[in-house]
Amino acid sequence: MVRIGDIEIGEFPFLLAPMEDVSDPPFRALCKKYGADLMYTEFISSEGLIRDAAKSRAKLDIFEYERPIGIQIFGSEIESMRQAAEITEAANPDLIDINYGCPVKKVACRGAGAGILQDIPKMVEMTKEIVDTCSLPVTVKTRLGWDENSKYIVEVAERLQDVGIKAISIHGRTRAQMYKGEADWSLIAAVKENPRMHIPVFGNGDIDSPQKAMEYRRRYGVDGIMIGRASIGSPWVFREMKHFMETGALLPPPDMEERIAAAKEHFEKSIEWKGERLGVVEMRRHYANYFKGLRDFKQHRLALVTLDEAQDIRDKLDELATISFEAA
């Protein structure tokens, strides 16, 4: 059984990655329904929390049915991160995660996210400050290093463990790679194989099928897998991967009825949590993913992303159930 502190998350857990503008409560509800063992919120700015910014505070919203769940924070200033950790702990998540992996320029080039990989002593100091501030378990998500010449993840993971983190998730690319090229899991395996490591080590990057999840589990020996982009528009990926792990058999892909039902549930929860206007607009980014791979779907997708009234979208989704679509 894999544990983060006292939290049990299964024999081989699948984690939902913290993805900006994706891993919000409506999407997390679907991923939980389909079997995610542990989920993280979108990353939250430490400065936004300290300044009581509405957008940052809204990201603290978590619900009982989501547990266990972690809230992820990011920032470049140690004192700001310490204060943000206090605010985050008050929201009562199961754990607090520190983002040391976001490669986006506006984050990393300010020394936050993956930017801190250029200053490992500061990374360790910040982590220790947050661990010492919080009574909840603290975890970290990071990358192999800043670039090809600074892939120090084996040493970094050990040092972060030594200051008290309870688990680490590692994306198999450097910051310089962004999301390009193939994720290198060999260094993730090296972290796991380090005889001094005793906390769970989760791998992340490029896992987009049940077969690949099984292969990487066997090849690299990680304690679990964090799923990011493969879950967008496919929350059932957790069900599919867990079924394959348990039985060695592939589940059939979701039929149109299930796709529509998932899109509807996601839409209604978006309206409920964000309000109608914002819920309608922000749901638009998901339709292409829910209905990808269907021939002659373009006109219907165009309608879904241009309709402004919630009831019109409900009617459009109902209409899709009456149409026969073929795979492209």
Protein backbone atom coordinates (compact mmCIF):
# COMPACT_ATOMS: atom_id res chain seq x y z
CA MET A 1 0.00 0.00 0.00
CA VAL A 2 1.39 3.41 -1.02
CA ARG A 3 1.15 6.02 1.71
CA ILE A 4 1.82 9.74 1.81
CA GLY A 5 2.24 10.30 5.51
CA ASP A 6 -0.80 8.52 6.95
CA ILE A 7 -2.83 8.79 3.72
CA GLU A 8 -3.34 5.49 1.91
CA ILE A 9 -3.74 5.88 -1.86
CA GLY A 10 -3.76 2.31 -3.16
CA GLU A 11 -1.32 -0.40 -4.22
CA PHE A 12 -0.31 1.43 -7.40
CA PRO A 13 -2.04 4.81 -7.47
CA PHE A 14 -2.90 6.95 -10.46
CA LEU A 15 -2.72 10.68 -9.74
CA LEU A 16 -4.36 13.56 -11.56
CA ALA A 17 -1.72 16.17 -12.36
CA PRO A 18 -2.26 19.81 -11.43
CA MET A 19 -3.00 21.48 -14.77
CA GLU A 20 -3.68 25.19 -15.11
CA ASP A 21 -7.20 25.89 -16.44
CA VAL A 22 -7.98 22.15 -16.44
CA SER A 23 -7.76 20.59 -12.95
CA ASP A 24 -10.61 22.60 -11.45
CA PRO A 25 -13.40 21.11 -9.29
CA PRO A 26 -15.72 20.26 -12.24
CA PHE A 27 -13.00 18.31 -14.04
CA ARG A 28 -11.72 16.70 -10.85
CA ALA A 29 -15.23 15.41 -10.14
CA LEU A 30 -15.14 13.43 -13.40
CA CYS A 31 -11.63 12.11 -12.77
CA LYS A 32 -12.59 10.98 -9.27
CA LYS A 33 -15.66 9.23 -10.64
CA TYR A 34 -13.47 7.33 -13.11
CA GLY A 35 -10.93 6.22 -10.55
CA ALA A 36 -8.23 8.82 -9.86
CA ASP A 37 -6.62 7.84 -6.53
CA LEU A 38 -5.21 11.26 -5.67
CA MET A 39 -5.86 14.62 -7.29
CA TYR A 40 -4.24 18.02 -7.16
CA THR A 41 -5.73 21.44 -7.68
CA GLU A 42 -4.52 23.85 -10.33
CA PHE A 43 -1.41 25.60 -9.08
CA ILE A 44 -2.11 28.66 -6.96
CA SER A 45 0.07 31.76 -6.76
CA SER A 46 1.49 32.41 -3.31
CA GLU A 47 1.36 36.15 -3.96
CA GLY A 48 -2.28 35.85 -5.06
CA LEU A 49 -3.19 34.08 -1.82
CA ILE A 50 -1.40 36.60 0.35
CA ARG A 51 -3.09 39.49 -1.44
CA ASP A 52 -6.44 37.73 -1.19
CA ALA A 53 -6.94 37.73 -4.96
CA ALA A 54 -10.35 36.31 -5.83
CA LYS A 55 -9.06 33.99 -8.56
CA SER A 56 -6.41 32.50 -6.28
CA ARG A 57 -8.82 32.08 -3.37
CA ALA A 58 -11.37 30.33 -5.60
CA LYS A 59 -8.78 27.67 -6.43
CA LEU A 60 -8.74 26.68 -2.75
CA ASP A 61 -12.25 25.24 -3.17
CA ILE A 62 -12.25 21.52 -2.48
CA PHE A 63 -15.10 19.11 -1.78
CA GLU A 64 -15.37 16.08 0.50
CA TYR A 65 -15.97 13.66 -2.38
CA GLU A 66 -12.60 14.61 -3.88
CA ARG A 67 -10.51 13.31 -0.98
CA PRO A 68 -7.70 12.62 -0.77
CA ILE A 69 -6.75 15.85 -2.49
CA GLY A 70 -3.73 18.13 -2.46
CA ILE A 71 -3.60 21.87 -3.03
CA GLN A 72 -0.59 23.00 -5.05
CA ILE A 73 1.12 26.36 -4.54
CA PHE A 74 3.93 28.14 -6.38
CA GLY A 75 6.07 31.20 -5.87
CA SER A 76 9.61 32.49 -5.78
CA GLU A 77 9.83 34.14 -2.35
CA ILE A 78 10.33 31.92 0.68
CA GLU A 79 8.35 34.07 3.11
CA SER A 80 5.47 34.44 0.67
CA MET A 81 5.38 30.67 0.18
CA ARG A 82 5.43 30.12 3.93
CA GLN A 83 2.44 32.43 4.38
CA ALA A 84 0.66 30.84 1.43
CA ALA A 85 1.19 27.41 2.99
CA GLU A 86 -0.54 28.62 6.16
CA ILE A 87 -3.49 29.94 4.16
CA THR A 88 -3.63 26.72 2.15
CA GLU A 89 -3.57 24.51 5.24
CA ALA A 90 -6.55 26.43 6.61
CA ALA A 91 -8.56 25.28 3.54
CA ASN A 92 -8.19 21.74 4.95
CA PRO A 93 -6.77 19.72 2.08
CA ASP A 94 -5.22 16.32 2.76
CA LEU A 95 -1.78 17.53 1.72
CA ILE A 96 0.08 20.52 0.31
CA ASP A 97 2.12 20.26 -2.88
CA ILE A 98 4.86 22.61 -4.03
CA ASN A 99 5.16 23.34 -7.75
CA TYR A 100 8.80 23.19 -8.80
CA GLY A 101 7.95 22.02 -12.30
CA CYS A 102 5.95 24.59 -14.26
CA PRO A 103 8.07 25.51 -17.31
CA VAL A 104 5.98 28.44 -18.55
CA LYS A 105 8.11 31.53 -19.10
CA LYS A 106 6.06 33.95 -16.99
CA VAL A 107 6.44 31.58 -14.02
CA ALA A 108 9.88 30.01 -14.45
CA CYS A 109 11.70 33.18 -15.45
CA ARG A 110 10.61 34.81 -12.20
CA GLY A 111 12.26 32.03 -10.22
CA ALA A 112 9.06 30.11 -9.45
CA GLY A 113 7.95 26.72 -10.73
CA ALA A 114 10.81 25.08 -12.63
CA GLY A 115 12.74 28.34 -12.34
CA ILE A 116 13.91 27.38 -8.87
CA LEU A 117 15.83 24.46 -10.40
CA GLN A 118 18.52 27.07 -11.09
CA ASP A 119 18.96 27.56 -7.35
CA ILE A 120 18.84 24.19 -5.57
CA PRO A 121 19.89 25.53 -2.13
CA LYS A 122 16.96 27.97 -2.23
CA MET A 123 14.66 25.14 -3.35
CA VAL A 124 15.71 23.08 -0.33
CA GLU A 125 15.43 26.04 2.04
CA MET A 126 11.95 26.94 0.76
CA THR A 127 10.78 23.35 1.08
CA LYS A 128 12.05 23.08 4.65
CA GLU A 129 10.29 26.32 5.59
CA ILE A 130 6.98 25.01 4.24
CA VAL A 131 7.39 21.59 5.87
CA ASP A 132 8.17 23.24 9.20
CA THR A 133 5.17 25.56 8.85
CA CYS A 134 2.59 22.88 8.04
CA SER A 135 1.17 19.99 10.03
CA LEU A 136 -0.13 18.38 6.82
CA PRO A 137 2.09 16.21 4.60
CA VAL A 138 4.04 18.24 2.03
CA THR A 139 4.82 16.83 -1.42
CA VAL A 140 6.72 18.19 -4.42
CA LYS A 141 6.25 18.08 -8.18
CA THR A 142 9.34 18.89 -10.20
CA ARG A 143 11.39 18.12 -13.33
CA LEU A 144 14.73 16.46 -14.03
CA GLY A 145 16.54 19.79 -13.99
CA TRP A 146 16.72 23.18 -15.66
CA ASP A 147 18.49 21.91 -18.80
CA GLU A 148 20.60 19.03 -20.11
CA ASN A 149 23.58 20.19 -18.07
CA SER A 150 21.78 20.35 -14.72
CA LYS A 151 19.82 17.12 -14.32
CA TYR A 152 20.49 16.77 -10.59
CA ILE A 153 17.16 15.16 -9.71
CA VAL A 154 18.65 12.19 -7.82
CA GLU A 155 20.49 14.50 -5.42
CA VAL A 156 17.61 16.99 -5.30
CA ALA A 157 15.01 14.35 -4.42
CA GLU A 158 17.20 13.06 -1.60
CA ARG A 159 17.75 16.54 -0.20
CA LEU A 160 14.02 17.33 -0.34
CA GLN A 161 13.25 14.08 1.44
CA ASP A 162 15.80 14.96 4.10
CA VAL A 163 13.96 18.21 4.91
CA GLY A 164 10.67 16.37 5.27
CA ILE A 165 8.62 15.96 2.09
CA LYS A 166 6.42 12.86 2.06
CA ALA A 167 6.33 12.11 -1.70
CA ILE A 168 7.76 13.43 -4.96
CA SER A 169 6.31 13.49 -8.48
CA ILE A 170 8.85 13.87 -11.27
CA HIS A 171 8.16 14.92 -14.85
CA GLY A 172 10.70 13.28 -17.12
CA ARG A 173 11.83 16.42 -18.94
CA THR A 174 13.95 19.46 -18.15
CA ARG A 175 12.55 22.96 -18.09
CA ALA A 176 14.39 23.70 -21.34
CA GLN A 177 12.50 20.87 -23.06
CA MET A 178 9.11 22.25 -22.02
CA TYR A 179 6.82 19.48 -23.36
CA LYS A 180 8.92 18.63 -26.42
CA GLY A 181 10.70 15.37 -27.16
CA GLU A 182 10.20 12.16 -25.26
CA ALA A 183 10.09 12.11 -21.47
CA ASP A 184 13.15 10.37 -20.00
CA TRP A 185 12.08 8.11 -17.16
CA SER A 186 15.54 6.63 -16.56
CA LEU A 187 16.39 9.35 -14.05
CA ILE A 188 13.01 8.92 -12.36
CA ALA A 189 13.97 5.26 -11.94
CA ALA A 190 17.35 6.33 -10.57
CA VAL A 191 15.57 8.36 -7.88
CA LYS A 192 13.42 5.37 -6.96
CA GLU A 193 16.44 3.04 -6.90
CA ASN A 194 18.47 5.33 -4.64
CA PRO A 195 18.83 3.21 -1.47
CA ARG A 196 18.41 6.31 0.70
CA MET A 197 14.97 7.11 -0.71
CA HIS A 198 12.01 5.84 1.29
CA ILE A 199 9.17 8.16 0.24
CA PRO A 200 6.88 7.38 -2.73
CA VAL A 201 8.24 8.36 -6.14
CA PHE A 202 5.67 9.04 -8.86
CA GLY A 203 6.48 9.28 -12.56
CA ASN A 204 4.91 11.76 -14.96
CA GLY A 205 5.20 12.41 -18.69
CA ASP A 206 3.92 10.80 -21.89
CA ILE A 207 1.74 8.10 -20.31
CA ASP A 208 -1.19 8.05 -22.73
CA SER A 209 -2.34 4.41 -22.83
CA PRO A 210 -2.94 1.49 -20.44
CA GLN A 211 -0.21 -0.48 -22.20
CA LYS A 212 2.35 2.28 -21.66
CA ALA A 213 1.35 2.65 -18.02
CA MET A 214 1.96 -1.07 -17.47
CA GLU A 215 5.23 -1.04 -19.39
CA TYR A 216 6.61 1.97 -17.48
CA ARG A 217 5.55 0.51 -14.13
CA ARG A 218 7.54 -2.63 -14.89
CA ARG A 219 10.51 -0.92 -16.49
CA TYR A 220 11.04 1.95 -14.07
CA GLY A 221 9.66 0.65 -10.76
CA VAL A 222 7.83 3.82 -9.72
CA ASP A 223 5.28 3.79 -6.90
CA GLY A 224 2.54 5.30 -9.06
CA ILE A 225 1.89 7.35 -12.16
CA MET A 226 0.69 10.94 -12.50
CA ILE A 227 -1.55 11.54 -15.51
CA GLY A 228 -1.83 14.98 -17.08
CA ARG A 229 -2.63 15.68 -20.71
CA ALA A 230 -3.97 12.16 -21.39
CA SER A 231 -6.89 12.83 -19.03
CA ILE A 232 -8.12 15.97 -20.82
CA GLY A 233 -11.41 15.04 -22.45
CA SER A 234 -10.78 11.46 -21.31
CA PRO A 235 -11.38 11.24 -17.56
CA TRP A 236 -12.06 7.52 -18.08
CA VAL A 237 -8.32 7.04 -18.70
CA PHE A 238 -7.99 6.23 -15.00
CA ARG A 239 -10.57 3.45 -15.26
CA GLU A 240 -8.94 2.08 -18.40
CA MET A 241 -5.43 2.02 -16.93
CA LYS A 242 -6.48 0.46 -13.63
CA HIS A 243 -8.51 -2.21 -15.42
CA PHE A 244 -5.56 -3.11 -17.61
CA MET A 245 -3.24 -3.27 -14.61
CA GLU A 246 -5.63 -5.63 -12.82
CA THR A 247 -6.70 -7.86 -15.71
CA GLY A 248 -4.32 -7.39 -18.64
CA ALA A 249 -7.37 -6.67 -20.81
CA LEU A 250 -8.29 -3.45 -22.56
CA LEU A 251 -11.71 -1.94 -21.94
CA PRO A 252 -13.64 -0.91 -25.04
CA PRO A 253 -13.46 2.84 -25.70
CA PRO A 254 -16.34 4.92 -24.36
CA ASP A 255 -19.33 5.03 -26.68
CA MET A 256 -21.08 8.20 -27.76
CA GLU A 257 -23.59 7.93 -24.93
CA GLU A 258 -20.84 7.94 -22.33
CA ARG A 259 -18.97 10.79 -24.02
CA ILE A 260 -22.10 12.94 -24.02
CA ALA A 261 -22.91 12.05 -20.41
CA ALA A 262 -19.41 13.02 -19.29
CA ALA A 263 -19.51 16.31 -21.22
CA LYS A 264 -22.93 17.08 -19.73
CA GLU A 265 -21.80 16.37 -16.18
CA HIS A 266 -18.68 18.47 -16.66
CA PHE A 267 -20.77 21.29 -18.11
CA GLU A 268 -23.35 21.28 -15.30
CA LYS A 269 -20.68 21.25 -12.61
CA SER A 270 -18.91 24.14 -14.37
CA ILE A 271 -22.13 26.16 -14.33
CA GLU A 272 -22.70 25.27 -10.68
CA TRP A 273 -19.19 26.23 -9.54
CA LYS A 274 -18.38 29.18 -11.82
CA GLY A 275 -21.78 30.64 -12.62
CA GLU A 276 -23.50 30.43 -16.01
CA ARG A 277 -21.48 32.94 -18.02
CA LEU A 278 -18.03 31.79 -16.97
CA GLY A 279 -19.10 28.15 -16.94
CA VAL A 280 -20.26 28.37 -20.54
CA VAL A 281 -17.11 30.12 -21.77
CA GLU A 282 -14.54 28.04 -19.91
CA MET A 283 -16.17 24.74 -20.88
CA ARG A 284 -15.51 25.49 -24.56
CA ARG A 285 -11.91 24.29 -24.36
CA HIS A 286 -13.08 20.77 -23.49
CA TYR A 287 -15.57 19.82 -26.23
CA ALA A 288 -13.00 18.99 -28.91
CA ASN A 289 -11.35 16.57 -26.51
CA TYR A 290 -14.54 14.83 -25.41
CA PHE A 291 -15.53 14.22 -29.03
CA LYS A 292 -12.13 13.82 -30.70
CA GLY A 293 -11.76 11.14 -33.33
CA LEU A 294 -15.26 11.49 -34.76
CA ARG A 295 -15.81 11.98 -38.48
CA ASP A 296 -17.83 15.04 -39.56
CA PHE A 297 -17.95 16.49 -36.04
CA LYS A 298 -16.51 19.91 -36.90
CA GLN A 299 -19.84 21.69 -37.39
CA HIS A 300 -21.14 20.38 -34.06
CA ARG A 301 -17.98 21.42 -32.23
CA LEU A 302 -18.31 24.89 -33.77
CA ALA A 303 -21.83 25.14 -32.42
CA LEU A 304 -20.76 24.06 -28.93
CA VAL A 305 -18.01 26.69 -28.76
CA THR A 306 -20.14 29.55 -30.10
CA LEU A 307 -23.47 29.06 -28.31
CA ASP A 308 -23.83 31.48 -25.42
CA GLU A 309 -26.87 30.21 -23.53
CA ALA A 310 -26.60 27.24 -21.19
CA GLN A 311 -29.90 25.76 -22.35
CA ASP A 312 -28.83 25.96 -25.99
CA ILE A 313 -25.74 23.94 -25.15
CA ARG A 314 -27.83 21.38 -23.26
CA ASP A 315 -30.08 21.07 -26.30
CA LYS A 316 -27.07 20.66 -28.58
CA LEU A 317 -25.63 17.89 -26.43
CA ASP A 318 -29.02 16.16 -26.45
CA GLU A 319 -29.10 16.47 -30.24
CA LEU A 320 -25.73 14.71 -30.53
CA ALA A 321 -27.30 11.62 -29.00
CA THR A 322 -29.61 11.33 -32.00
CA ILE A 323 -26.79 11.38 -34.60
CA SER A 324 -24.68 8.42 -35.70
CA PHE A 325 -20.98 9.27 -35.87
CA GLU A 326 -18.19 7.18 -37.34
CA ALA A 327 -14.61 7.15 -36.13
CA ALA A 328 -12.33 9.27 -38.27
